[in-house]
C-alpha atoms as a PDB file:
ATOM      1  CA  MET A   1     -11.627 -12.464   1.291  1.00  0.00           C
ATOM      2  CA  GLU A   2     -12.091 -11.890  -2.373  1.00  0.00           C
ATOM      3  CA  SER A   3     -13.772  -8.751  -1.764  1.00  0.00           C
ATOM      4  CA  ALA A   4     -11.087  -7.909   0.598  1.00  0.00           C
ATOM      5  CA  LEU A   5      -8.097  -8.506  -1.910  1.00  0.00           C
ATOM      6  CA  LYS A   6      -9.612  -6.063  -4.467  1.00  0.00           C
ATOM      7  CA  PRO A   7      -9.619  -2.796  -2.789  1.00  0.00           C
ATOM      8  CA  PHE A   8      -6.213  -4.018  -1.192  1.00  0.00           C
ATOM      9  CA  ARG A   9      -4.602  -4.094  -4.198  1.00  0.00           C
ATOM     10  CA  VAL A  10      -6.002  -1.151  -6.257  1.00  0.00           C
ATOM     11  CA  LEU A  11      -4.995   0.567  -2.478  1.00  0.00           C
ATOM     12  CA  ALA A  12      -1.223  -1.069  -2.776  1.00  0.00           C
ATOM     13  CA  TYR A  13      -0.759   0.188  -6.544  1.00  0.00           C
ATOM     14  CA  VAL A  14      -2.534   4.044  -5.995  1.00  0.00           C
ATOM     15  CA  VAL A  15      -0.198   4.559  -2.605  1.00  0.00           C
ATOM     16  CA  GLY A  16       2.907   3.302  -4.396  1.00  0.00           C
ATOM     17  CA  VAL A  17       2.774   5.941  -7.290  1.00  0.00           C
ATOM     18  CA  MET A  18       1.540   8.366  -5.022  1.00  0.00           C
ATOM     19  CA  LEU A  19       5.047   7.697  -3.245  1.00  0.00           C
ATOM     20  CA  LEU A  20       6.665   7.800  -6.326  1.00  0.00           C
ATOM     21  CA  VAL A  21       5.452  11.054  -7.311  1.00  0.00           C
ATOM     22  CA  LEU A  22       5.840  12.198  -3.804  1.00  0.00           C
ATOM     23  CA  CYS A  23       9.869  11.311  -3.677  1.00  0.00           C
ATOM     24  CA  VAL A  24       9.798  13.138  -7.318  1.00  0.00           C
ATOM     25  CA  GLY A  25       8.535  16.267  -5.155  1.00  0.00           C
ATOM     26  CA  MET A  26      10.864  16.355  -2.423  1.00  0.00           C
ATOM     27  CA  VAL A  27      13.577  15.980  -4.898  1.00  0.00           C
ATOM     28  CA  LEU A  28      12.126  19.595  -6.521  1.00  0.00           C
ATOM     29  CA  ARG A  29      11.359  20.988  -2.734  1.00  0.00           C
ATOM     30  CA  TYR A  30      14.831  20.338  -1.249  1.00  0.00           C
ATOM     31  CA  GLY A  31      16.793  20.592  -4.797  1.00  0.00           C
ATOM     32  CA  PHE A  32      15.122  22.845  -6.825  1.00  0.00           C
ATOM     33  CA  GLY A  33      13.362  24.619  -3.893  1.00  0.00           C
ATOM     34  CA  GLU A  34      10.069  24.461  -6.122  1.00  0.00           C
ATOM     35  CA  ALA A  35       7.848  23.162  -2.643  1.00  0.00           C
ATOM     36  CA  ALA A  36       4.576  23.198  -4.617  1.00  0.00           C
ATOM     37  CA  MET A  37       4.568  20.009  -5.764  1.00  0.00           C
ATOM     38  CA  SER A  38       5.145  18.369  -2.720  1.00  0.00           C
ATOM     39  CA  LYS A  39       2.844  20.626  -0.498  1.00  0.00           C
ATOM     40  CA  ILE A  40      -0.134  19.171  -2.670  1.00  0.00           C
ATOM     41  CA  ILE A  41       0.953  15.390  -3.350  1.00  0.00           C
ATOM     42  CA  ALA A  42       2.154  14.983   0.877  1.00  0.00           C
ATOM     43  CA  PRO A  43      -1.365  15.202   2.347  1.00  0.00           C
ATOM     44  CA  ILE A  44      -2.713  13.292  -0.599  1.00  0.00           C
ATOM     45  CA  HIS A  45      -0.625  10.614  -0.035  1.00  0.00           C
ATOM     46  CA  GLY A  46      -1.446  10.690   3.477  1.00  0.00           C
ATOM     47  CA  GLY A  47      -5.045  10.271   3.625  1.00  0.00           C
ATOM     48  CA  LEU A  48      -4.471   7.090   0.818  1.00  0.00           C
ATOM     49  CA  TYR A  49      -2.228   5.978   3.254  1.00  0.00           C
ATOM     50  CA  MET A  50      -4.631   5.525   5.800  1.00  0.00           C
ATOM     51  CA  ILE A  51      -7.581   4.012   3.341  1.00  0.00           C
ATOM     52  CA  TYR A  52      -4.636   1.593   2.556  1.00  0.00           C
ATOM     53  CA  LEU A  53      -3.601   1.102   6.147  1.00  0.00           C
ATOM     54  CA  ILE A  54      -7.973   0.210   6.415  1.00  0.00           C
ATOM     55  CA  ALA A  55      -7.452  -1.960   3.714  1.00  0.00           C
ATOM     56  CA  VAL A  56      -4.977  -4.156   5.148  1.00  0.00           C
ATOM     57  CA  MET A  57      -6.766  -4.747   8.248  1.00  0.00           C
ATOM     58  CA  ASN A  58      -9.703  -5.794   6.654  1.00  0.00           C
ATOM     59  CA  LEU A  59      -7.590  -8.198   4.731  1.00  0.00           C
ATOM     60  CA  GLY A  60      -5.438  -9.166   7.376  1.00  0.00           C
ATOM     61  CA  MET A  61      -8.633  -9.960   9.440  1.00  0.00           C
ATOM     62  CA  LYS A  62     -10.414 -11.729   7.209  1.00  0.00           C
ATOM     63  CA  ALA A  63      -7.605 -13.860   5.901  1.00  0.00           C
ATOM     64  CA  ARG A  64      -6.184 -14.280  10.006  1.00  0.00           C
ATOM     65  CA  TRP A  65      -2.801 -12.948   9.302  1.00  0.00           C
ATOM     66  CA  SER A  66      -0.344 -12.553  12.119  1.00  0.00           C
ATOM     67  CA  TRP A  67       0.235  -8.873  13.871  1.00  0.00           C
ATOM     68  CA  PRO A  68       3.728  -8.911  12.965  1.00  0.00           C
ATOM     69  CA  TYR A  69       2.564  -9.896   9.258  1.00  0.00           C
ATOM     70  CA  MET A  70       0.184  -7.312   9.074  1.00  0.00           C
ATOM     71  CA  ALA A  71       2.332  -4.421  10.237  1.00  0.00           C
ATOM     72  CA  GLY A  72       4.704  -5.456   7.645  1.00  0.00           C
ATOM     73  CA  VAL A  73       2.288  -5.363   4.707  1.00  0.00           C
ATOM     74  CA  MET A  74       1.159  -2.027   5.975  1.00  0.00           C
ATOM     75  CA  LEU A  75       5.391  -0.550   5.929  1.00  0.00           C
ATOM     76  CA  GLY A  76       4.978  -1.520   2.480  1.00  0.00           C
ATOM     77  CA  GLY A  77       3.385   1.556   1.667  1.00  0.00           C
ATOM     78  CA  THR A  78       6.279   3.757   3.078  1.00  0.00           C
ATOM     79  CA  VAL A  79       9.253   2.463   1.047  1.00  0.00           C
ATOM     80  CA  PRO A  80       9.424   3.290  -2.918  1.00  0.00           C
ATOM     81  CA  PHE A  81       8.612   0.875  -4.567  1.00  0.00           C
ATOM     82  CA  LEU A  82       7.765  -1.921  -1.471  1.00  0.00           C
ATOM     83  CA  SER A  83       4.395  -1.698  -2.018  1.00  0.00           C
ATOM     84  CA  PHE A  84       4.321  -3.255  -5.608  1.00  0.00           C
ATOM     85  CA  TYR A  85       6.256  -6.170  -4.519  1.00  0.00           C
ATOM     86  CA  VAL A  86       3.812  -6.361  -1.433  1.00  0.00           C
ATOM     87  CA  GLU A  87       1.105  -6.143  -3.213  1.00  0.00           C
ATOM     88  CA  ARG A  88       2.205  -9.305  -5.366  1.00  0.00           C
ATOM     89  CA  ARG A  89       3.077 -11.465  -2.581  1.00  0.00           C
ATOM     90  CA  VAL A  90       0.063 -10.749  -0.190  1.00  0.00           C
ATOM     91  CA  THR A  91      -2.129 -11.430  -3.662  1.00  0.00           C
ATOM     92  CA  GLN A  92      -0.234 -15.000  -4.268  1.00  0.00           C
ATOM     93  CA  ARG A  93      -0.686 -15.624  -0.598  1.00  0.00           C
ATOM     94  CA  VAL A  94      -4.502 -14.774  -0.064  1.00  0.00           C
ATOM     95  CA  GLN A  95      -5.416 -16.669  -3.928  1.00  0.00           C
ATOM     96  CA  GLY A  96      -2.963 -19.577  -2.390  1.00  0.00           C
ATOM     97  CA  ALA A  97      -5.524 -19.494   0.260  1.00  0.00           C
ATOM     98  CA  LEU A  98      -8.327 -19.600  -1.657  1.00  0.00           C
ATOM     99  CA  ALA A  99      -7.758 -22.557  -3.444  1.00  0.00           C
ATOM    100  CA  ALA A 100      -6.370 -24.465  -0.296  1.00  0.00           C
ATOM    101  CA  ALA A 101      -9.904 -23.673   1.173  1.00  0.00           C
ATOM    102  CA  GLU A 102     -11.812 -24.481  -2.251  1.00  0.00           C
ATOM    103  CA  ALA A 103      -9.721 -27.832  -2.071  1.00  0.00           C
END
């Protein structure tokens, strides 16, 4: 499980930051008519989000999460700031499970 936790954590932060940058790009696009930033950031965020989904599946299968819980973690990359919260909660859960397995 530890081998799957690190990529998940990194991708959760990267996807969260890219989503915030995308939100700025959307404000620039629809508020000020500047579409260049969102045209660049949107596909990058989309690609990284797909990789995030794979990382969640990998961690979820190893941690034996339920499908609804895994879907909730996957949705963490769609709401600004939520991925940071989800990352912290998932890390605590996985580290708790690892500590319990060692004891």
